[in-house]
C-alpha atoms as a PDB file:
ATOM      1  CA  MET A   1      34.059 136.020   3.417  1.00  0.00           C
ATOM      2  CA  SER A   2      36.103 137.109   6.397  1.00  0.00           C
ATOM      3  CA  ASN A   3      36.801 136.828  10.093  1.00  0.00           C
ATOM      4  CA  VAL A   4      37.470 140.320  11.442  1.00  0.00           C
ATOM      5  CA  GLU A   5      37.569 139.440  15.133  1.00  0.00           C
ATOM      6  CA  THR A   6      40.085 141.604  16.962  1.00  0.00           C
ATOM      7  CA  SER A   7      41.288 138.712  19.150  1.00  0.00           C
ATOM      8  CA  PRO A   8      40.776 135.485  17.178  1.00  0.00           C
ATOM      9  CA  ALA A   9      41.534 132.210  18.917  1.00  0.00           C
ATOM     10  CA  GLU A  10      43.832 129.658  17.382  1.00  0.00           C
ATOM     11  CA  VAL A  11      41.889 126.471  16.642  1.00  0.00           C
ATOM     12  CA  VAL A  12      43.383 123.080  15.804  1.00  0.00           C
ATOM     13  CA  CYS A  13      40.857 120.858  14.042  1.00  0.00           C
ATOM     14  CA  THR A  14      40.708 117.271  12.880  1.00  0.00           C
ATOM     15  CA  GLY A  15      37.986 115.681  10.828  1.00  0.00           C
ATOM     16  CA  THR A  16      37.608 112.362  12.632  1.00  0.00           C
ATOM     17  CA  SER A  17      34.243 110.861  13.374  1.00  0.00           C
ATOM     18  CA  GLY A  18      32.457 107.518  13.273  1.00  0.00           C
ATOM     19  CA  PRO A  19      29.012 106.027  12.796  1.00  0.00           C
ATOM     20  CA  GLU A  20      26.378 107.593  14.976  1.00  0.00           C
ATOM     21  CA  THR A  21      22.609 107.866  14.614  1.00  0.00           C
ATOM     22  CA  ARG A  22      21.684 110.636  17.042  1.00  0.00           C
ATOM     23  CA  VAL A  23      21.619 114.291  16.058  1.00  0.00           C
ATOM     24  CA  GLU A  24      24.244 116.452  17.722  1.00  0.00           C
ATOM     25  CA  VAL A  25      23.013 120.025  18.182  1.00  0.00           C
ATOM     26  CA  LEU A  26      25.649 122.736  17.869  1.00  0.00           C
ATOM     27  CA  GLU A  27      24.507 125.999  19.426  1.00  0.00           C
ATOM     28  CA  PRO A  28      25.693 129.309  17.948  1.00  0.00           C
ATOM     29  CA  ARG A  29      27.726 131.899  19.801  1.00  0.00           C
ATOM     30  CA  ASP A  30      27.500 135.604  19.075  1.00  0.00           C
ATOM     31  CA  VAL A  31      30.651 137.175  17.645  1.00  0.00           C
ATOM     32  CA  PRO A  32      30.806 140.961  17.034  1.00  0.00           C
ATOM     33  CA  LEU A  33      32.798 141.841  13.942  1.00  0.00           C
ATOM     34  CA  GLY A  34      34.352 145.305  13.899  1.00  0.00           C
ATOM     35  CA  GLY A  35      33.970 148.389  16.070  1.00  0.00           C
ATOM     36  CA  PRO A  36      31.129 150.223  17.887  1.00  0.00           C
ATOM     37  CA  ARG A  37      28.608 149.574  15.073  1.00  0.00           C
ATOM     38  CA  ALA A  38      29.797 145.999  14.659  1.00  0.00           C
ATOM     39  CA  MET A  39      27.677 143.498  12.826  1.00  0.00           C
ATOM     40  CA  THR A  40      27.076 140.490  15.058  1.00  0.00           C
ATOM     41  CA  VAL A  41      27.290 137.029  13.527  1.00  0.00           C
ATOM     42  CA  ARG A  42      26.191 133.702  14.977  1.00  0.00           C
ATOM     43  CA  ARG A  43      29.007 131.129  14.708  1.00  0.00           C
ATOM     44  CA  THR A  44      28.441 127.375  14.853  1.00  0.00           C
ATOM     45  CA  LEU A  45      31.748 126.140  13.385  1.00  0.00           C
ATOM     46  CA  PRO A  46      34.339 125.681  14.722  1.00  0.00           C
ATOM     47  CA  GLN A  47      33.662 124.913  18.377  1.00  0.00           C
ATOM     48  CA  ARG A  48      34.947 122.597  21.064  1.00  0.00           C
ATOM     49  CA  SER A  49      32.450 119.790  20.514  1.00  0.00           C
ATOM     50  CA  ARG A  50      32.904 119.682  16.744  1.00  0.00           C
ATOM     51  CA  SER A  51      35.320 121.604  14.576  1.00  0.00           C
ATOM     52  CA  MET A  52      34.454 120.404  11.061  1.00  0.00           C
ATOM     53  CA  ILE A  53      31.727 118.821   8.920  1.00  0.00           C
ATOM     54  CA  GLY A  54      33.592 117.246   6.047  1.00  0.00           C
ATOM     55  CA  ALA A  55      35.858 120.023   4.777  1.00  0.00           C
ATOM     56  CA  TRP A  56      33.446 122.723   6.036  1.00  0.00           C
ATOM     57  CA  CYS A  57      35.479 124.350   8.802  1.00  0.00           C
ATOM     58  CA  PHE A  58      33.745 127.682   9.486  1.00  0.00           C
ATOM     59  CA  ALA A  59      30.088 128.722   9.486  1.00  0.00           C
ATOM     60  CA  ASP A  60      28.701 132.156  10.356  1.00  0.00           C
ATOM     61  CA  HIS A  61      25.043 133.180  10.076  1.00  0.00           C
ATOM     62  CA  TYR A  62      24.212 136.883  10.064  1.00  0.00           C
ATOM     63  CA  GLY A  63      21.129 139.087   9.792  1.00  0.00           C
ATOM     64  CA  PRO A  64      18.603 140.058   8.914  1.00  0.00           C
ATOM     65  CA  ASP A  65      20.394 143.321   9.768  1.00  0.00           C
ATOM     66  CA  ASP A  66      18.925 146.761   9.159  1.00  0.00           C
ATOM     67  CA  VAL A  67      21.852 148.432   7.402  1.00  0.00           C
ATOM     68  CA  SER A  68      20.739 151.875   8.584  1.00  0.00           C
ATOM     69  CA  ALA A  69      21.313 150.711  12.169  1.00  0.00           C
ATOM     70  CA  THR A  70      24.342 148.444  11.777  1.00  0.00           C
ATOM     71  CA  GLY A  71      26.166 150.346   9.052  1.00  0.00           C
ATOM     72  CA  GLY A  72      26.195 147.269   6.838  1.00  0.00           C
ATOM     73  CA  MET A  73      29.360 145.475   5.790  1.00  0.00           C
ATOM     74  CA  ASP A  74      32.636 147.204   4.958  1.00  0.00           C
ATOM     75  CA  VAL A  75      35.537 144.778   5.333  1.00  0.00           C
ATOM     76  CA  ALA A  76      38.849 146.120   4.105  1.00  0.00           C
ATOM     77  CA  PRO A  77      41.309 143.931   2.138  1.00  0.00           C
ATOM     78  CA  HIS A  78      42.371 140.962   4.247  1.00  0.00           C
ATOM     79  CA  PRO A  79      44.196 137.690   3.498  1.00  0.00           C
ATOM     80  CA  HIS A  80      43.300 133.998   3.242  1.00  0.00           C
ATOM     81  CA  THR A  81      45.343 130.820   2.890  1.00  0.00           C
ATOM     82  CA  GLY A  82      44.525 127.119   2.584  1.00  0.00           C
ATOM     83  CA  LEU A  83      40.779 127.473   2.024  1.00  0.00           C
ATOM     84  CA  GLN A  84      37.844 128.309  -0.193  1.00  0.00           C
ATOM     85  CA  THR A  85      35.221 130.840   0.889  1.00  0.00           C
ATOM     86  CA  ALA A  86      31.580 130.248  -0.057  1.00  0.00           C
ATOM     87  CA  SER A  87      29.343 133.336   0.033  1.00  0.00           C
ATOM     88  CA  TRP A  88      25.555 132.874   0.112  1.00  0.00           C
ATOM     89  CA  LEU A  89      23.001 135.633   0.711  1.00  0.00           C
ATOM     90  CA  PHE A  90      19.286 135.607   1.514  1.00  0.00           C
ATOM     91  CA  SER A  91      18.901 139.379   1.068  1.00  0.00           C
ATOM     92  CA  GLY A  92      21.078 142.371   0.251  1.00  0.00           C
ATOM     93  CA  ALA A  93      24.100 142.594  -2.042  1.00  0.00           C
ATOM     94  CA  ILE A  94      27.856 142.703  -1.409  1.00  0.00           C
ATOM     95  CA  GLU A  95      30.625 143.998  -3.670  1.00  0.00           C
ATOM     96  CA  HIS A  96      33.601 141.621  -3.850  1.00  0.00           C
ATOM     97  CA  ARG A  97      37.105 142.602  -5.024  1.00  0.00           C
ATOM     98  CA  ASP A  98      40.145 140.332  -4.832  1.00  0.00           C
ATOM     99  CA  SER A  99      43.815 140.098  -5.774  1.00  0.00           C
ATOM    100  CA  HIS A 100      42.974 137.620  -8.539  1.00  0.00           C
ATOM    101  CA  GLY A 101      41.522 140.656 -10.331  1.00  0.00           C
ATOM    102  CA  VAL A 102      37.881 139.707  -9.765  1.00  0.00           C
ATOM    103  CA  HIS A 103      35.273 142.421  -9.200  1.00  0.00           C
ATOM    104  CA  ALA A 104      31.900 140.753  -8.588  1.00  0.00           C
ATOM    105  CA  THR A 105      28.617 141.161  -6.740  1.00  0.00           C
ATOM    106  CA  VAL A 106      27.285 138.625  -4.246  1.00  0.00           C
ATOM    107  CA  ARG A 107      23.491 138.416  -4.646  1.00  0.00           C
ATOM    108  CA  PRO A 108      20.790 136.261  -3.002  1.00  0.00           C
ATOM    109  CA  GLY A 109      20.600 132.711  -4.336  1.00  0.00           C
ATOM    110  CA  GLU A 110      23.957 132.945  -6.120  1.00  0.00           C
ATOM    111  CA  LEU A 111      27.166 131.197  -5.099  1.00  0.00           C
ATOM    112  CA  ASN A 112      30.492 133.019  -5.143  1.00  0.00           C
ATOM    113  CA  LEU A 113      33.324 130.557  -4.379  1.00  0.00           C
ATOM    114  CA  MET A 114      36.796 132.038  -3.948  1.00  0.00           C
ATOM    115  CA  THR A 115      39.921 129.887  -3.714  1.00  0.00           C
ATOM    116  CA  GLY A 116      42.689 131.293  -1.559  1.00  0.00           C
ATOM    117  CA  GLY A 117      45.104 128.348  -1.526  1.00  0.00           C
ATOM    118  CA  ARG A 118      48.655 129.670  -1.472  1.00  0.00           C
ATOM    119  CA  GLY A 119      47.357 133.157  -0.731  1.00  0.00           C
ATOM    120  CA  ILE A 120      44.766 135.732  -1.753  1.00  0.00           C
ATOM    121  CA  CYS A 121      43.281 138.921  -0.342  1.00  0.00           C
ATOM    122  CA  HIS A 122      39.857 140.468  -0.891  1.00  0.00           C
ATOM    123  CA  SER A 123      37.434 143.118   0.311  1.00  0.00           C
ATOM    124  CA  GLU A 124      33.662 142.994   0.948  1.00  0.00           C
ATOM    125  CA  VAL A 125      31.345 145.998   0.981  1.00  0.00           C
ATOM    126  CA  SER A 126      27.535 145.958   1.077  1.00  0.00           C
ATOM    127  CA  LEU A 127      26.082 147.933  -1.831  1.00  0.00           C
ATOM    128  CA  PRO A 128      24.363 151.299  -1.215  1.00  0.00           C
ATOM    129  CA  ASP A 129      20.930 150.011  -2.249  1.00  0.00           C
ATOM    130  CA  THR A 130      21.061 147.252   0.394  1.00  0.00           C
ATOM    131  CA  THR A 131      18.565 147.857   3.212  1.00  0.00           C
ATOM    132  CA  VAL A 132      18.626 144.433   4.882  1.00  0.00           C
ATOM    133  CA  LEU A 133      21.748 142.245   4.934  1.00  0.00           C
ATOM    134  CA  HIS A 134      21.167 138.558   5.629  1.00  0.00           C
ATOM    135  CA  GLY A 135      23.199 135.475   4.769  1.00  0.00           C
ATOM    136  CA  VAL A 136      25.853 132.928   5.685  1.00  0.00           C
ATOM    137  CA  GLN A 137      29.602 132.831   5.281  1.00  0.00           C
ATOM    138  CA  LEU A 138      31.241 129.428   4.967  1.00  0.00           C
ATOM    139  CA  TRP A 139      34.831 128.234   4.705  1.00  0.00           C
ATOM    140  CA  ILE A 140      36.082 125.009   3.134  1.00  0.00           C
ATOM    141  CA  ALA A 141      39.493 123.671   4.180  1.00  0.00           C
ATOM    142  CA  LEU A 142      41.688 122.528   1.309  1.00  0.00           C
ATOM    143  CA  PRO A 143      43.285 119.069   1.633  1.00  0.00           C
ATOM    144  CA  ASP A 144      47.059 118.951   1.903  1.00  0.00           C
ATOM    145  CA  ALA A 145      47.555 118.021  -1.759  1.00  0.00           C
ATOM    146  CA  HIS A 146      45.739 121.188  -2.875  1.00  0.00           C
ATOM    147  CA  ARG A 147      46.292 123.693  -0.087  1.00  0.00           C
ATOM    148  CA  ASP A 148      48.662 125.738  -2.258  1.00  0.00           C
ATOM    149  CA  ALA A 149      46.176 125.868  -5.137  1.00  0.00           C
ATOM    150  CA  PRO A 150      46.298 129.033  -7.255  1.00  0.00           C
ATOM    151  CA  ARG A 151      43.836 131.876  -6.779  1.00  0.00           C
ATOM    152  CA  ASP A 152      40.464 131.262  -8.370  1.00  0.00           C
ATOM    153  CA  PHE A 153      36.875 132.491  -8.352  1.00  0.00           C
ATOM    154  CA  GLN A 154      33.739 130.651  -9.452  1.00  0.00           C
ATOM    155  CA  HIS A 155      30.215 132.043  -9.762  1.00  0.00           C
ATOM    156  CA  HIS A 156      27.122 129.853 -10.078  1.00  0.00           C
ATOM    157  CA  VAL A 157      23.378 130.496 -10.023  1.00  0.00           C
ATOM    158  CA  PRO A 158      21.672 127.194  -9.142  1.00  0.00           C
ATOM    159  CA  GLU A 159      18.217 126.522 -10.533  1.00  0.00           C
ATOM    160  CA  PRO A 160      15.406 126.091  -8.005  1.00  0.00           C
ATOM    161  CA  ILE A 161      14.414 122.425  -7.699  1.00  0.00           C
ATOM    162  CA  ALA A 162      10.789 121.667  -6.781  1.00  0.00           C
ATOM    163  CA  LEU A 163      10.545 118.899  -4.192  1.00  0.00           C
ATOM    164  CA  ASP A 164       7.508 117.558  -2.356  1.00  0.00           C
ATOM    165  CA  GLY A 165       6.827 120.495  -0.034  1.00  0.00           C
ATOM    166  CA  ALA A 166      10.130 122.296  -0.548  1.00  0.00           C
ATOM    167  CA  VAL A 167      12.406 124.106  -2.971  1.00  0.00           C
ATOM    168  CA  ALA A 168      16.122 123.291  -3.120  1.00  0.00           C
ATOM    169  CA  ARG A 169      19.070 125.150  -4.644  1.00  0.00           C
ATOM    170  CA  VAL A 170      22.125 122.901  -4.935  1.00  0.00           C
ATOM    171  CA  PHE A 171      25.254 125.049  -5.166  1.00  0.00           C
ATOM    172  CA  LEU A 172      27.892 122.364  -4.435  1.00  0.00           C
ATOM    173  CA  GLY A 173      27.827 118.608  -4.970  1.00  0.00           C
ATOM    174  CA  ALA A 174      24.707 116.611  -5.772  1.00  0.00           C
ATOM    175  CA  LEU A 175      21.225 116.303  -4.267  1.00  0.00           C
ATOM    176  CA  ALA A 176      17.799 115.204  -5.514  1.00  0.00           C
ATOM    177  CA  GLY A 177      19.152 114.257  -8.938  1.00  0.00           C
ATOM    178  CA  HIS A 178      20.847 117.611  -9.552  1.00  0.00           C
ATOM    179  CA  THR A 179      24.604 118.198  -9.614  1.00  0.00           C
ATOM    180  CA  SER A 180      26.391 121.536  -9.323  1.00  0.00           C
ATOM    181  CA  PRO A 181      29.050 122.230 -11.978  1.00  0.00           C
ATOM    182  CA  VAL A 182      31.236 124.043  -9.431  1.00  0.00           C
ATOM    183  CA  ALA A 183      34.586 122.331  -8.839  1.00  0.00           C
ATOM    184  CA  THR A 184      35.793 121.551  -5.307  1.00  0.00           C
ATOM    185  CA  PHE A 185      38.928 119.863  -3.962  1.00  0.00           C
ATOM    186  CA  SER A 186      37.124 117.305  -1.775  1.00  0.00           C
ATOM    187  CA  PRO A 187      33.684 115.629  -1.926  1.00  0.00           C
ATOM    188  CA  LEU A 188      31.110 118.177  -0.689  1.00  0.00           C
ATOM    189  CA  LEU A 189      27.424 119.023  -0.572  1.00  0.00           C
ATOM    190  CA  GLY A 190      25.958 122.500  -0.212  1.00  0.00           C
ATOM    191  CA  ALA A 191      22.284 123.392  -0.701  1.00  0.00           C
ATOM    192  CA  GLU A 192      19.621 125.831   0.442  1.00  0.00           C
ATOM    193  CA  LEU A 193      16.252 124.296   1.343  1.00  0.00           C
ATOM    194  CA  VAL A 194      13.030 126.274   1.792  1.00  0.00           C
ATOM    195  CA  LEU A 195      10.346 124.092   3.398  1.00  0.00           C
ATOM    196  CA  ASP A 196       6.601 124.688   3.235  1.00  0.00           C
ATOM    197  CA  PRO A 197       4.620 124.638   6.502  1.00  0.00           C
ATOM    198  CA  GLY A 198       4.120 121.025   7.539  1.00  0.00           C
ATOM    199  CA  ALA A 199       6.636 119.690   4.991  1.00  0.00           C
ATOM    200  CA  ARG A 200       8.550 116.481   5.720  1.00  0.00           C
ATOM    201  CA  LEU A 201      11.442 115.458   3.485  1.00  0.00           C
ATOM    202  CA  ALA A 202      13.530 112.291   3.376  1.00  0.00           C
ATOM    203  CA  LEU A 203      16.469 113.318   1.209  1.00  0.00           C
ATOM    204  CA  ALA A 204      18.758 110.613  -0.158  1.00  0.00           C
ATOM    205  CA  VAL A 205      22.321 111.512   0.816  1.00  0.00           C
ATOM    206  CA  ASP A 206      25.785 109.967   0.575  1.00  0.00           C
ATOM    207  CA  ALA A 207      26.194 107.558   3.508  1.00  0.00           C
ATOM    208  CA  GLY A 208      29.931 108.264   3.545  1.00  0.00           C
ATOM    209  CA  PHE A 209      29.361 111.937   4.295  1.00  0.00           C
ATOM    210  CA  GLU A 210      28.957 113.860   7.506  1.00  0.00           C
ATOM    211  CA  HIS A 211      25.999 116.252   7.255  1.00  0.00           C
ATOM    212  CA  GLY A 212      24.878 119.416   8.958  1.00  0.00           C
ATOM    213  CA  VAL A 213      21.634 121.396   8.821  1.00  0.00           C
ATOM    214  CA  LEU A 214      21.977 125.082   9.717  1.00  0.00           C
ATOM    215  CA  VAL A 215      18.669 126.802  10.508  1.00  0.00           C
ATOM    216  CA  ASP A 216      18.084 130.259   9.084  1.00  0.00           C
ATOM    217  CA  ARG A 217      14.421 130.653   9.992  1.00  0.00           C
ATOM    218  CA  GLY A 218      11.403 128.645  11.132  1.00  0.00           C
ATOM    219  CA  ALA A 219      10.732 125.569  13.226  1.00  0.00           C
ATOM    220  CA  VAL A 220      12.905 122.743  11.912  1.00  0.00           C
ATOM    221  CA  GLU A 221      13.475 119.118  12.864  1.00  0.00           C
ATOM    222  CA  LEU A 222      16.399 116.952  11.751  1.00  0.00           C
ATOM    223  CA  ALA A 223      15.763 113.210  12.194  1.00  0.00           C
ATOM    224  CA  GLY A 224      13.138 114.101  14.799  1.00  0.00           C
ATOM    225  CA  THR A 225      15.368 116.500  16.771  1.00  0.00           C
ATOM    226  CA  ARG A 226      14.168 120.100  17.038  1.00  0.00           C
ATOM    227  CA  LEU A 227      16.651 122.779  15.979  1.00  0.00           C
ATOM    228  CA  GLY A 228      16.403 126.425  17.013  1.00  0.00           C
ATOM    229  CA  HIS A 229      17.320 129.592  15.195  1.00  0.00           C
ATOM    230  CA  ALA A 230      20.908 129.544  13.877  1.00  0.00           C
ATOM    231  CA  GLU A 231      21.556 126.119  15.432  1.00  0.00           C
ATOM    232  CA  LEU A 232      23.345 123.458  13.426  1.00  0.00           C
ATOM    233  CA  GLY A 233      22.287 119.817  13.622  1.00  0.00           C
ATOM    234  CA  TYR A 234      25.010 117.261  12.900  1.00  0.00           C
ATOM    235  CA  LEU A 235      24.606 113.754  11.447  1.00  0.00           C
ATOM    236  CA  ALA A 236      27.619 111.417  11.427  1.00  0.00           C
ATOM    237  CA  PRO A 237      28.457 109.214   8.424  1.00  0.00           C
ATOM    238  CA  GLY A 238      26.206 106.206   7.944  1.00  0.00           C
ATOM    239  CA  ALA A 239      22.870 107.907   7.296  1.00  0.00           C
ATOM    240  CA  ARG A 240      21.442 107.234   3.828  1.00  0.00           C
ATOM    241  CA  THR A 241      18.690 109.816   4.250  1.00  0.00           C
ATOM    242  CA  ALA A 242      18.495 113.220   5.866  1.00  0.00           C
ATOM    243  CA  GLU A 243      15.021 113.617   7.334  1.00  0.00           C
ATOM    244  CA  VAL A 244      14.192 117.313   7.517  1.00  0.00           C
ATOM    245  CA  ALA A 245      10.779 118.587   8.640  1.00  0.00           C
ATOM    246  CA  ASN A 246       9.017 121.893   9.183  1.00  0.00           C
ATOM    247  CA  PRO A 247       6.265 121.330  11.777  1.00  0.00           C
ATOM    248  CA  GLY A 248       5.551 125.073  11.975  1.00  0.00           C
ATOM    249  CA  ALA A 249       2.872 127.220  10.373  1.00  0.00           C
ATOM    250  CA  GLU A 250       5.374 129.416   8.459  1.00  0.00           C
ATOM    251  CA  PRO A 251       7.952 128.538   5.795  1.00  0.00           C
ATOM    252  CA  ALA A 252      11.349 127.441   7.081  1.00  0.00           C
ATOM    253  CA  ARG A 253      14.783 127.819   5.500  1.00  0.00           C
ATOM    254  CA  VAL A 254      17.946 125.816   6.157  1.00  0.00           C
ATOM    255  CA  MET A 255      21.395 125.264   4.707  1.00  0.00           C
ATOM    256  CA  LEU A 256      22.310 121.610   4.153  1.00  0.00           C
ATOM    257  CA  LEU A 257      26.070 120.990   4.294  1.00  0.00           C
ATOM    258  CA  GLY A 258      27.887 117.707   3.831  1.00  0.00           C
ATOM    259  CA  GLY A 259      31.210 116.164   3.008  1.00  0.00           C
ATOM    260  CA  ALA A 260      33.506 113.196   3.428  1.00  0.00           C
ATOM    261  CA  PRO A 261      35.304 113.294   6.810  1.00  0.00           C
ATOM    262  CA  PHE A 262      38.358 115.469   6.275  1.00  0.00           C
ATOM    263  CA  GLY A 263      40.920 113.215   7.935  1.00  0.00           C
ATOM    264  CA  GLU A 264      43.644 115.871   8.244  1.00  0.00           C
ATOM    265  CA  GLU A 265      44.612 118.168  11.080  1.00  0.00           C
ATOM    266  CA  ILE A 266      44.458 121.889  10.382  1.00  0.00           C
ATOM    267  CA  VAL A 267      45.146 125.033  12.360  1.00  0.00           C
ATOM    268  CA  MET A 268      42.862 128.044  11.867  1.00  0.00           C
ATOM    269  CA  TRP A 269      43.700 131.505  13.144  1.00  0.00           C
ATOM    270  CA  TRP A 270      42.183 134.795  11.977  1.00  0.00           C
ATOM    271  CA  ASN A 271      41.738 134.290   8.197  1.00  0.00           C
ATOM    272  CA  PHE A 272      44.432 131.667   7.741  1.00  0.00           C
ATOM    273  CA  VAL A 273      44.188 127.881   7.470  1.00  0.00           C
ATOM    274  CA  GLY A 274      47.520 126.121   7.926  1.00  0.00           C
ATOM    275  CA  ARG A 275      49.005 122.984   9.435  1.00  0.00           C
ATOM    276  CA  ASP A 276      50.859 124.261  12.499  1.00  0.00           C
ATOM    277  CA  HIS A 277      51.502 127.349  14.594  1.00  0.00           C
ATOM    278  CA  ASP A 278      54.790 128.168  12.888  1.00  0.00           C
ATOM    279  CA  GLU A 279      53.152 128.224   9.466  1.00  0.00           C
ATOM    280  CA  ILE A 280      50.416 130.559  10.693  1.00  0.00           C
ATOM    281  CA  GLU A 281      53.099 132.809  12.133  1.00  0.00           C
ATOM    282  CA  ARG A 282      54.817 132.952   8.728  1.00  0.00           C
ATOM    283  CA  PHE A 283      51.532 133.794   6.982  1.00  0.00           C
ATOM    284  CA  ARG A 284      50.925 136.634   9.419  1.00  0.00           C
ATOM    285  CA  ALA A 285      54.451 138.032   8.932  1.00  0.00           C
ATOM    286  CA  GLU A 286      54.092 137.919   5.141  1.00  0.00           C
ATOM    287  CA  TRP A 287      50.745 139.724   5.284  1.00  0.00           C
ATOM    288  CA  GLN A 288      52.185 142.429   7.519  1.00  0.00           C
ATOM    289  CA  ALA A 289      55.127 142.798   5.123  1.00  0.00           C
ATOM    290  CA  GLU A 290      52.737 143.114   2.129  1.00  0.00           C
ATOM    291  CA  SER A 291      54.241 140.014   0.529  1.00  0.00           C
ATOM    292  CA  ASP A 292      53.453 138.968  -3.035  1.00  0.00           C
ATOM    293  CA  ARG A 293      51.901 135.808  -1.537  1.00  0.00           C
ATOM    294  CA  PHE A 294      48.633 137.712  -1.116  1.00  0.00           C
ATOM    295  CA  GLY A 295      48.771 140.326  -3.887  1.00  0.00           C
ATOM    296  CA  ARG A 296      46.717 143.524  -3.798  1.00  0.00           C
ATOM    297  CA  VAL A 297      43.070 144.512  -4.097  1.00  0.00           C
ATOM    298  CA  GLU A 298      42.475 147.262  -6.644  1.00  0.00           C
ATOM    299  CA  GLY A 299      39.582 149.699  -6.357  1.00  0.00           C
ATOM    300  CA  TYR A 300      38.891 149.562  -2.601  1.00  0.00           C
ATOM    301  CA  ALA A 301      38.665 153.055  -1.082  1.00  0.00           C
ATOM    302  CA  GLY A 302      40.625 152.493   2.104  1.00  0.00           C
ATOM    303  CA  THR A 303      43.562 150.717   3.717  1.00  0.00           C
ATOM    304  CA  ARG A 304      44.084 147.009   4.250  1.00  0.00           C
ATOM    305  CA  LEU A 305      43.318 145.277   7.563  1.00  0.00           C
ATOM    306  CA  PRO A 306      46.339 144.706   9.798  1.00  0.00           C
ATOM    307  CA  ALA A 307      46.661 141.264  11.334  1.00  0.00           C
ATOM    308  CA  PRO A 308      45.836 141.065  15.044  1.00  0.00           C
ATOM    309  CA  PRO A 309      48.536 139.942  17.505  1.00  0.00           C
ATOM    310  CA  LEU A 310      49.236 136.229  17.665  1.00  0.00           C
ATOM    311  CA  PRO A 311      48.141 134.337  20.798  1.00  0.00           C
ATOM    312  CA  THR A 312      50.769 134.050  23.523  1.00  0.00           C
ATOM    313  CA  GLY A 313      50.574 130.267  23.715  1.00  0.00           C
ATOM    314  CA  ARG A 314      50.028 127.260  21.483  1.00  0.00           C
ATOM    315  CA  LEU A 315      46.852 125.220  21.742  1.00  0.00           C
ATOM    316  CA  ARG A 316      46.934 121.445  21.697  1.00  0.00           C
ATOM    317  CA  PRO A 317      45.073 119.642  18.930  1.00  0.00           C
ATOM    318  CA  ARG A 318      41.475 118.748  19.680  1.00  0.00           C
ATOM    319  CA  ALA A 319      39.602 116.194  17.627  1.00  0.00           C
ATOM    320  CA  ASN A 320      35.964 115.703  16.789  1.00  0.00           C
ATOM    321  CA  PRO A 321      34.465 113.224  19.269  1.00  0.00           C
ATOM    322  CA  LEU A 322      34.349 109.527  18.520  1.00  0.00           C
ATOM    323  CA  PRO A 323      31.067 107.577  18.782  1.00  0.00           C
ATOM    324  CA  GLY A 324      29.661 107.227  22.279  1.00  0.00           C
ATOM    325  CA  ARG A 325      31.768 110.018  23.794  1.00  0.00           C
END
């Protein structure tokens, strides 16, 4: 998935955190992507109070959007470095093409995980039969040892898992006795949970992980803290269970994300993940020069996205808060 902001901020992130029992609520901010008929997304990662959850470094929630009104999604070829992109839909369908030679369709309940380590480019276009587009786009930062990993693409359709009052689909990592076969470069958890009205779950989770619950719909509580639409509730390492409840009268749906604290500083700007400003500047120059680093997308009817101008200044690193701050 992509970030097509016209003036993206440079963000320096570190994955430090410590034991904490309270739930930190991260509120979304609206970000319009594109021109006059831009699709608006609700972004919860990164932000000033917390830039990462494990290796998860970017989270956008979008829709449900009436494609006849918004124009749907049509994102021209654009680059990525130093990350994996995880695409997950609730409704609609998106055509994916990339410079690894993959031509695939993103459909509801199916994971498409693209690795753009050293460099990749791809396009995303909602299919003509899509009427309502609704989903999340998630980025995973690659650790230093693997940030130049070769291009790759993995597709997985997780089986629905019946829980007491809920259905889970585990697309990365392990939960409720089920493990995804999808390979990642750091310990991660990714799952969709659909909770029945009145359901209360106590999910056993890895105590060494940070966890986040991103609300798609419904009234949801995380460890007793109410979360609103598109909000993300954060739990620091130390929790052995994630207590998720739906006190409402309608079904609720959330994304459960987790991972070991990242422990490395990264710089994100536009669609690049790097380690410092100078590296991001080199990535931008190579994309503008149509370098072999990123390759080419075949079959997209249009031109590639130009990179926006770099910011005029450099931002200082900002870390995730330590306990009690």
